[in-house]
Amino acid sequence: MKYKFKRKIRKLYPRSKSVLDKIEKNIYWIRKYKFPKLQNPRPYIQPSIPFRSKTIYFTSMLRSLEISKSFINVFNKFEFFTCVLLSRSACELGAYIYYVDKKLTHHLNTSDWPAINAILDKFVIGSLAVGDTKPARSGDVIREIRKTIPQYAENYDDLSEIVHFNIGGKSYYQEIVDDRYVKFRLSKRFEEGEERILLNPIVSMQNIIKCLEKPFLEREFPDRLIPKNMKTKNKRV
């Protein structure tokens, strides 16, 4: 199956052509990506750093592929609310992978093994349902990306206003006839300009993941941070 925007979509939104093209090309890039088979090293030794870094990255790639493919499908059908849900999820995933990279880079440069291990545990095995390791919350990752890319976080805020069914969510289903009457309907298309609110988070998520490929796949643990007892264990592997 080809994941393409329909011709009628391209005719309706000519100003978004470059964004539509990028989304399709990024989907193709992930679908053709050769995912490796990773060997899980013994825990709490140096090799676990690149292993868990790659685990985070590859799973994020596959999640982004699912989001992107589903988005094209519902965008072609003008299913507004489903598009909003997927775009908001894209915002969270892009911010998540950005947050992990920033934290790992900082702690690898300035911190020690326990801090790095705690960060990786949070993002690899964190769960609210099982275990004692709590995951990173969406509010935390959005707050971090807001510091450097405020427009990204503003898009998330706009989408959340609709998802939470505040006035932004209700107004989409209403048509003001005059000062006395209002009609309720499902729109048959997105207004020109409105589509960018939905498209931009998808392509931003894809771009973040694509740009961070090298940092995640080539990340190593500096020898200076490895405790002596762990260096000994590492030599025996």
C-alpha atoms as a PDB file:
ATOM      1  CA  MET A   1       0.000   0.000   0.000  1.00  0.00           C
ATOM      2  CA  LYS A   2       1.255   3.451  -0.911  1.00  0.00           C
ATOM      3  CA  TYR A   3       0.949   6.068   1.774  1.00  0.00           C
ATOM      4  CA  LYS A   4       0.160   9.131  -0.281  1.00  0.00           C
ATOM      5  CA  PHE A   5      -2.034  12.178   0.071  1.00  0.00           C
ATOM      6  CA  LYS A   6      -4.835  12.138  -2.487  1.00  0.00           C
ATOM      7  CA  ARG A   7      -4.812  14.462  -5.468  1.00  0.00           C
ATOM      8  CA  LYS A   8      -7.837  16.341  -4.166  1.00  0.00           C
ATOM      9  CA  ILE A   9      -5.892  17.101  -0.980  1.00  0.00           C
ATOM     10  CA  ARG A  10      -3.034  18.564  -2.975  1.00  0.00           C
ATOM     11  CA  LYS A  11      -5.447  20.659  -5.037  1.00  0.00           C
ATOM     12  CA  LEU A  12      -7.198  21.986  -1.939  1.00  0.00           C
ATOM     13  CA  TYR A  13      -3.981  22.935  -0.123  1.00  0.00           C
ATOM     14  CA  PRO A  14      -1.381  24.011  -2.714  1.00  0.00           C
ATOM     15  CA  ARG A  15       0.493  26.112  -0.124  1.00  0.00           C
ATOM     16  CA  SER A  16       1.187  22.980   1.910  1.00  0.00           C
ATOM     17  CA  LYS A  17       2.719  21.054  -0.988  1.00  0.00           C
ATOM     18  CA  SER A  18       6.235  21.016   0.464  1.00  0.00           C
ATOM     19  CA  VAL A  19       4.966  19.729   3.821  1.00  0.00           C
ATOM     20  CA  LEU A  20       2.890  17.003   2.177  1.00  0.00           C
ATOM     21  CA  ASP A  21       5.938  15.959   0.140  1.00  0.00           C
ATOM     22  CA  LYS A  22       8.172  15.794   3.218  1.00  0.00           C
ATOM     23  CA  ILE A  23       5.734  13.639   5.165  1.00  0.00           C
ATOM     24  CA  GLU A  24       5.540  11.138   2.304  1.00  0.00           C
ATOM     25  CA  LYS A  25       9.318  11.071   1.807  1.00  0.00           C
ATOM     26  CA  ASN A  26       9.974  10.545   5.509  1.00  0.00           C
ATOM     27  CA  ILE A  27       7.546   7.621   5.577  1.00  0.00           C
ATOM     28  CA  TYR A  28       9.394   6.089   2.657  1.00  0.00           C
ATOM     29  CA  TRP A  29      12.720   6.589   4.483  1.00  0.00           C
ATOM     30  CA  ILE A  30      11.544   4.679   7.562  1.00  0.00           C
ATOM     31  CA  ARG A  31       9.835   1.917   5.569  1.00  0.00           C
ATOM     32  CA  LYS A  32      13.088   1.267   3.690  1.00  0.00           C
ATOM     33  CA  TYR A  33      15.224   1.466   6.834  1.00  0.00           C
ATOM     34  CA  LYS A  34      17.185  -1.672   7.662  1.00  0.00           C
ATOM     35  CA  PHE A  35      16.534  -2.260  11.339  1.00  0.00           C
ATOM     36  CA  PRO A  36      19.317  -4.325  12.907  1.00  0.00           C
ATOM     37  CA  LYS A  37      19.048  -7.266  15.257  1.00  0.00           C
ATOM     38  CA  LEU A  38      20.561  -6.108  18.539  1.00  0.00           C
ATOM     39  CA  GLN A  39      22.183  -8.314  21.139  1.00  0.00           C
ATOM     40  CA  ASN A  40      21.200  -7.379  24.657  1.00  0.00           C
ATOM     41  CA  PRO A  41      24.402  -7.048  26.742  1.00  0.00           C
ATOM     42  CA  ARG A  42      24.726  -7.841  30.407  1.00  0.00           C
ATOM     43  CA  PRO A  43      23.058  -5.068  32.437  1.00  0.00           C
ATOM     44  CA  TYR A  44      24.809  -2.214  34.171  1.00  0.00           C
ATOM     45  CA  ILE A  45      27.997  -2.308  32.104  1.00  0.00           C
ATOM     46  CA  GLN A  46      29.307  -0.039  29.384  1.00  0.00           C
ATOM     47  CA  PRO A  47      27.677  -1.772  26.361  1.00  0.00           C
ATOM     48  CA  SER A  48      24.203  -1.193  27.843  1.00  0.00           C
ATOM     49  CA  ILE A  49      24.493   2.520  27.011  1.00  0.00           C
ATOM     50  CA  PRO A  50      24.571   2.190  23.205  1.00  0.00           C
ATOM     51  CA  PHE A  51      22.134  -0.750  23.368  1.00  0.00           C
ATOM     52  CA  ARG A  52      19.476   1.178  25.266  1.00  0.00           C
ATOM     53  CA  SER A  53      20.111   4.319  23.246  1.00  0.00           C
ATOM     54  CA  LYS A  54      19.425   2.358  20.053  1.00  0.00           C
ATOM     55  CA  THR A  55      16.380   0.702  21.626  1.00  0.00           C
ATOM     56  CA  ILE A  56      14.854   4.105  22.332  1.00  0.00           C
ATOM     57  CA  TYR A  57      15.602   5.324  18.831  1.00  0.00           C
ATOM     58  CA  PHE A  58      14.356   2.345  16.824  1.00  0.00           C
ATOM     59  CA  THR A  59      11.114   2.040  18.769  1.00  0.00           C
ATOM     60  CA  SER A  60      10.528   5.778  18.300  1.00  0.00           C
ATOM     61  CA  MET A  61      11.058   5.392  14.561  1.00  0.00           C
ATOM     62  CA  LEU A  62       8.460   2.647  14.347  1.00  0.00           C
ATOM     63  CA  ARG A  63       5.968   4.596  16.450  1.00  0.00           C
ATOM     64  CA  SER A  64       6.447   7.615  14.178  1.00  0.00           C
ATOM     65  CA  LEU A  65       5.838   5.414  11.140  1.00  0.00           C
ATOM     66  CA  GLU A  66       2.531   4.204  12.567  1.00  0.00           C
ATOM     67  CA  ILE A  67       1.463   7.742  13.415  1.00  0.00           C
ATOM     68  CA  SER A  68       2.417   9.062   9.976  1.00  0.00           C
ATOM     69  CA  LYS A  69       0.720   6.293   7.995  1.00  0.00           C
ATOM     70  CA  SER A  70      -2.467   6.542  10.052  1.00  0.00           C
ATOM     71  CA  PHE A  71      -2.431  10.320   9.717  1.00  0.00           C
ATOM     72  CA  ILE A  72      -2.355  10.240   5.910  1.00  0.00           C
ATOM     73  CA  ASN A  73      -5.250   7.790   5.899  1.00  0.00           C
ATOM     74  CA  VAL A  74      -7.541   9.935   8.071  1.00  0.00           C
ATOM     75  CA  PHE A  75      -6.382  13.250   6.585  1.00  0.00           C
ATOM     76  CA  ASN A  76      -7.473  12.005   3.159  1.00  0.00           C
ATOM     77  CA  LYS A  77     -10.932  11.402   4.668  1.00  0.00           C
ATOM     78  CA  PHE A  78     -11.063  14.783   6.486  1.00  0.00           C
ATOM     79  CA  GLU A  79     -11.517  13.096   9.872  1.00  0.00           C
ATOM     80  CA  PHE A  80     -10.613  16.128  11.935  1.00  0.00           C
ATOM     81  CA  PHE A  81     -10.609  14.772  15.479  1.00  0.00           C
ATOM     82  CA  THR A  82      -8.592  11.676  14.604  1.00  0.00           C
ATOM     83  CA  CYS A  83      -6.083  13.907  12.814  1.00  0.00           C
ATOM     84  CA  VAL A  84      -5.839  16.064  15.933  1.00  0.00           C
ATOM     85  CA  LEU A  85      -5.179  13.024  18.130  1.00  0.00           C
ATOM     86  CA  LEU A  86      -2.426  11.787  15.826  1.00  0.00           C
ATOM     87  CA  SER A  87      -0.841  15.236  15.478  1.00  0.00           C
ATOM     88  CA  ARG A  88      -0.830  15.671  19.242  1.00  0.00           C
ATOM     89  CA  SER A  89       0.771  12.234  19.645  1.00  0.00           C
ATOM     90  CA  ALA A  90       3.363  13.295  17.075  1.00  0.00           C
ATOM     91  CA  CYS A  91       4.137  16.386  19.165  1.00  0.00           C
ATOM     92  CA  GLU A  92       4.678  14.229  22.233  1.00  0.00           C
ATOM     93  CA  LEU A  93       6.866  11.696  20.438  1.00  0.00           C
ATOM     94  CA  GLY A  94       9.053  14.365  18.836  1.00  0.00           C
ATOM     95  CA  ALA A  95       9.440  16.154  22.172  1.00  0.00           C
ATOM     96  CA  TYR A  96      10.174  12.831  23.881  1.00  0.00           C
ATOM     97  CA  ILE A  97      13.065  11.882  21.603  1.00  0.00           C
ATOM     98  CA  TYR A  98      14.405  15.460  21.780  1.00  0.00           C
ATOM     99  CA  TYR A  99      14.245  15.348  25.589  1.00  0.00           C
ATOM    100  CA  VAL A 100      16.061  12.002  25.824  1.00  0.00           C
ATOM    101  CA  ASP A 101      18.867  13.187  23.548  1.00  0.00           C
ATOM    102  CA  LYS A 102      19.315  16.422  25.490  1.00  0.00           C
ATOM    103  CA  LYS A 103      19.416  14.674  28.868  1.00  0.00           C
ATOM    104  CA  LEU A 104      21.793  11.945  27.731  1.00  0.00           C
ATOM    105  CA  THR A 105      24.149  14.442  26.098  1.00  0.00           C
ATOM    106  CA  HIS A 106      24.208  16.588  29.243  1.00  0.00           C
ATOM    107  CA  HIS A 107      24.843  13.727  31.663  1.00  0.00           C
ATOM    108  CA  LEU A 108      27.435  12.049  29.482  1.00  0.00           C
ATOM    109  CA  ASN A 109      29.375  15.326  29.452  1.00  0.00           C
ATOM    110  CA  THR A 110      28.984  16.341  33.076  1.00  0.00           C
ATOM    111  CA  SER A 111      27.581  13.600  35.242  1.00  0.00           C
ATOM    112  CA  ASP A 112      28.270  10.049  36.426  1.00  0.00           C
ATOM    113  CA  TRP A 113      27.084   6.492  35.900  1.00  0.00           C
ATOM    114  CA  PRO A 114      24.123   6.485  38.373  1.00  0.00           C
ATOM    115  CA  ALA A 115      22.586   9.584  36.765  1.00  0.00           C
ATOM    116  CA  ILE A 116      22.925   8.204  33.244  1.00  0.00           C
ATOM    117  CA  ASN A 117      21.608   4.814  34.278  1.00  0.00           C
ATOM    118  CA  ALA A 118      18.593   6.415  35.955  1.00  0.00           C
ATOM    119  CA  ILE A 119      17.809   8.431  32.822  1.00  0.00           C
ATOM    120  CA  LEU A 120      17.981   5.352  30.601  1.00  0.00           C
ATOM    121  CA  ASP A 121      15.877   3.309  33.015  1.00  0.00           C
ATOM    122  CA  LYS A 122      13.200   5.998  32.958  1.00  0.00           C
ATOM    123  CA  PHE A 123      12.972   6.014  29.176  1.00  0.00           C
ATOM    124  CA  VAL A 124      13.500   2.306  28.461  1.00  0.00           C
ATOM    125  CA  ILE A 125      11.661   0.462  31.243  1.00  0.00           C
ATOM    126  CA  GLY A 126       9.653   3.248  32.892  1.00  0.00           C
ATOM    127  CA  SER A 127       6.021   2.351  33.542  1.00  0.00           C
ATOM    128  CA  LEU A 128       3.080   3.577  35.600  1.00  0.00           C
ATOM    129  CA  ALA A 129       1.588   0.090  35.610  1.00  0.00           C
ATOM    130  CA  VAL A 130       4.452  -2.200  36.600  1.00  0.00           C
ATOM    131  CA  GLY A 131       7.794  -1.925  38.369  1.00  0.00           C
ATOM    132  CA  ASP A 132       9.271   0.854  40.464  1.00  0.00           C
ATOM    133  CA  THR A 133      10.736   2.995  37.642  1.00  0.00           C
ATOM    134  CA  LYS A 134       8.443   5.878  36.773  1.00  0.00           C
ATOM    135  CA  PRO A 135       8.383   7.045  33.124  1.00  0.00           C
ATOM    136  CA  ALA A 136       8.893  10.565  31.857  1.00  0.00           C
ATOM    137  CA  ARG A 137       5.607  12.476  31.672  1.00  0.00           C
ATOM    138  CA  SER A 138       4.422  14.250  28.546  1.00  0.00           C
ATOM    139  CA  GLY A 139       4.267  17.549  30.447  1.00  0.00           C
ATOM    140  CA  ASP A 140       7.966  17.267  31.293  1.00  0.00           C
ATOM    141  CA  VAL A 141       9.103  16.651  27.717  1.00  0.00           C
ATOM    142  CA  ILE A 142       6.876  19.408  26.300  1.00  0.00           C
ATOM    143  CA  ARG A 143       8.152  21.821  28.955  1.00  0.00           C
ATOM    144  CA  GLU A 144      11.735  21.076  27.946  1.00  0.00           C
ATOM    145  CA  ILE A 145      11.216  21.616  24.218  1.00  0.00           C
ATOM    146  CA  ARG A 146       9.249  24.798  24.938  1.00  0.00           C
ATOM    147  CA  LYS A 147      12.498  26.397  26.132  1.00  0.00           C
ATOM    148  CA  THR A 148      14.207  26.080  22.753  1.00  0.00           C
ATOM    149  CA  ILE A 149      11.370  25.623  20.211  1.00  0.00           C
ATOM    150  CA  PRO A 150       8.396  27.589  21.596  1.00  0.00           C
ATOM    151  CA  GLN A 151       6.361  27.246  18.386  1.00  0.00           C
ATOM    152  CA  TYR A 152       6.505  23.464  18.728  1.00  0.00           C
ATOM    153  CA  ALA A 153       4.983  23.630  22.205  1.00  0.00           C
ATOM    154  CA  GLU A 154       2.384  26.176  21.058  1.00  0.00           C
ATOM    155  CA  ASN A 155       1.197  23.713  18.416  1.00  0.00           C
ATOM    156  CA  TYR A 156       0.823  21.132  21.164  1.00  0.00           C
ATOM    157  CA  ASP A 157      -1.207  23.586  23.256  1.00  0.00           C
ATOM    158  CA  ASP A 158      -3.565  24.291  20.343  1.00  0.00           C
ATOM    159  CA  LEU A 159      -4.121  20.588  19.695  1.00  0.00           C
ATOM    160  CA  SER A 160      -4.653  19.898  23.399  1.00  0.00           C
ATOM    161  CA  GLU A 161      -7.351  22.588  23.493  1.00  0.00           C
ATOM    162  CA  ILE A 162      -9.263  20.563  20.899  1.00  0.00           C
ATOM    163  CA  VAL A 163      -8.560  17.122  22.405  1.00  0.00           C
ATOM    164  CA  HIS A 164      -9.726  18.219  25.862  1.00  0.00           C
ATOM    165  CA  PHE A 165     -13.000  19.438  24.309  1.00  0.00           C
ATOM    166  CA  ASN A 166     -12.632  23.013  25.438  1.00  0.00           C
ATOM    167  CA  ILE A 167     -14.066  25.816  23.295  1.00  0.00           C
ATOM    168  CA  GLY A 168     -11.578  25.012  20.521  1.00  0.00           C
ATOM    169  CA  GLY A 169     -12.886  21.463  20.334  1.00  0.00           C
ATOM    170  CA  LYS A 170     -16.581  22.388  20.444  1.00  0.00           C
ATOM    171  CA  SER A 171     -16.414  25.217  17.912  1.00  0.00           C
ATOM    172  CA  TYR A 172     -15.293  22.884  15.125  1.00  0.00           C
ATOM    173  CA  TYR A 173     -18.705  21.174  15.183  1.00  0.00           C
ATOM    174  CA  GLN A 174     -20.682  24.413  15.126  1.00  0.00           C
ATOM    175  CA  GLU A 175     -21.628  26.810  12.372  1.00  0.00           C
ATOM    176  CA  ILE A 176     -22.883  30.224  13.412  1.00  0.00           C
ATOM    177  CA  VAL A 177     -25.814  31.081  11.130  1.00  0.00           C
ATOM    178  CA  ASP A 178     -26.535  34.511  12.607  1.00  0.00           C
ATOM    179  CA  ASP A 179     -26.799  36.124  16.020  1.00  0.00           C
ATOM    180  CA  ARG A 180     -29.744  33.852  16.899  1.00  0.00           C
ATOM    181  CA  TYR A 181     -29.006  30.458  15.359  1.00  0.00           C
ATOM    182  CA  VAL A 182     -26.236  27.912  15.329  1.00  0.00           C
ATOM    183  CA  LYS A 183     -26.046  24.676  13.334  1.00  0.00           C
ATOM    184  CA  PHE A 184     -24.151  21.517  14.240  1.00  0.00           C
ATOM    185  CA  ARG A 185     -22.282  19.509  11.617  1.00  0.00           C
ATOM    186  CA  LEU A 186     -19.193  17.574  10.662  1.00  0.00           C
ATOM    187  CA  SER A 187     -17.129  19.604   8.248  1.00  0.00           C
ATOM    188  CA  LYS A 188     -16.487  18.008   4.855  1.00  0.00           C
ATOM    189  CA  ARG A 189     -13.049  19.590   4.504  1.00  0.00           C
ATOM    190  CA  PHE A 190     -10.454  21.630   6.387  1.00  0.00           C
ATOM    191  CA  GLU A 191     -10.355  25.347   5.772  1.00  0.00           C
ATOM    192  CA  GLU A 192      -7.274  26.589   3.938  1.00  0.00           C
ATOM    193  CA  GLY A 193      -4.630  27.342   6.552  1.00  0.00           C
ATOM    194  CA  GLU A 194      -6.317  25.066   9.088  1.00  0.00           C
ATOM    195  CA  GLU A 195      -4.524  22.049   7.653  1.00  0.00           C
ATOM    196  CA  ARG A 196      -1.130  23.382   8.775  1.00  0.00           C
ATOM    197  CA  ILE A 197      -2.091  22.972  12.428  1.00  0.00           C
ATOM    198  CA  LEU A 198      -2.424  19.257  11.685  1.00  0.00           C
ATOM    199  CA  LEU A 199       0.441  18.777   9.237  1.00  0.00           C
ATOM    200  CA  ASN A 200       3.244  20.665  10.999  1.00  0.00           C
ATOM    201  CA  PRO A 201       3.472  18.392  14.081  1.00  0.00           C
ATOM    202  CA  ILE A 202       3.742  15.306  11.858  1.00  0.00           C
ATOM    203  CA  VAL A 203       6.627  16.613   9.769  1.00  0.00           C
ATOM    204  CA  SER A 204       8.318  18.123  12.861  1.00  0.00           C
ATOM    205  CA  MET A 205       8.248  14.756  14.621  1.00  0.00           C
ATOM    206  CA  GLN A 206       9.709  13.066  11.549  1.00  0.00           C
ATOM    207  CA  ASN A 207      12.437  15.693  11.183  1.00  0.00           C
ATOM    208  CA  ILE A 208      13.498  15.461  14.830  1.00  0.00           C
ATOM    209  CA  ILE A 209      13.810  11.678  14.649  1.00  0.00           C
ATOM    210  CA  LYS A 210      15.693  11.838  11.365  1.00  0.00           C
ATOM    211  CA  CYS A 211      18.111  14.509  12.604  1.00  0.00           C
ATOM    212  CA  LEU A 212      18.906  12.585  15.786  1.00  0.00           C
ATOM    213  CA  GLU A 213      19.752   9.314  14.051  1.00  0.00           C
ATOM    214  CA  LYS A 214      23.515   9.751  14.381  1.00  0.00           C
ATOM    215  CA  PRO A 215      23.561  10.864  18.057  1.00  0.00           C
ATOM    216  CA  PHE A 216      21.422   7.916  19.154  1.00  0.00           C
ATOM    217  CA  LEU A 217      23.119   5.242  17.085  1.00  0.00           C
ATOM    218  CA  GLU A 218      26.693   6.357  17.722  1.00  0.00           C
ATOM    219  CA  ARG A 219      26.398   7.244  21.403  1.00  0.00           C
ATOM    220  CA  GLU A 220      29.085   5.685  23.601  1.00  0.00           C
ATOM    221  CA  PHE A 221      29.761   5.731  27.312  1.00  0.00           C
ATOM    222  CA  PRO A 222      32.977   7.635  28.188  1.00  0.00           C
ATOM    223  CA  ASP A 223      35.560   5.418  29.843  1.00  0.00           C
ATOM    224  CA  ARG A 224      36.238   8.068  32.492  1.00  0.00           C
ATOM    225  CA  LEU A 225      32.706   7.622  33.898  1.00  0.00           C
ATOM    226  CA  ILE A 226      32.820   3.848  34.290  1.00  0.00           C
ATOM    227  CA  PRO A 227      33.353   2.757  37.926  1.00  0.00           C
ATOM    228  CA  LYS A 228      36.388   0.508  38.408  1.00  0.00           C
ATOM    229  CA  ASN A 229      34.328  -2.489  39.472  1.00  0.00           C
ATOM    230  CA  MET A 230      32.229  -2.190  36.296  1.00  0.00           C
ATOM    231  CA  LYS A 231      35.326  -1.931  34.102  1.00  0.00           C
ATOM    232  CA  THR A 232      36.421  -5.260  35.537  1.00  0.00           C
ATOM    233  CA  LYS A 233      33.064  -6.857  34.761  1.00  0.00           C
ATOM    234  CA  ASN A 234      33.121  -5.387  31.288  1.00  0.00           C
ATOM    235  CA  LYS A 235      36.463  -7.058  30.452  1.00  0.00           C
ATOM    236  CA  ARG A 236      35.036 -10.450  31.343  1.00  0.00           C
ATOM    237  CA  VAL A 237      32.153 -10.164  28.856  1.00  0.00           C
END
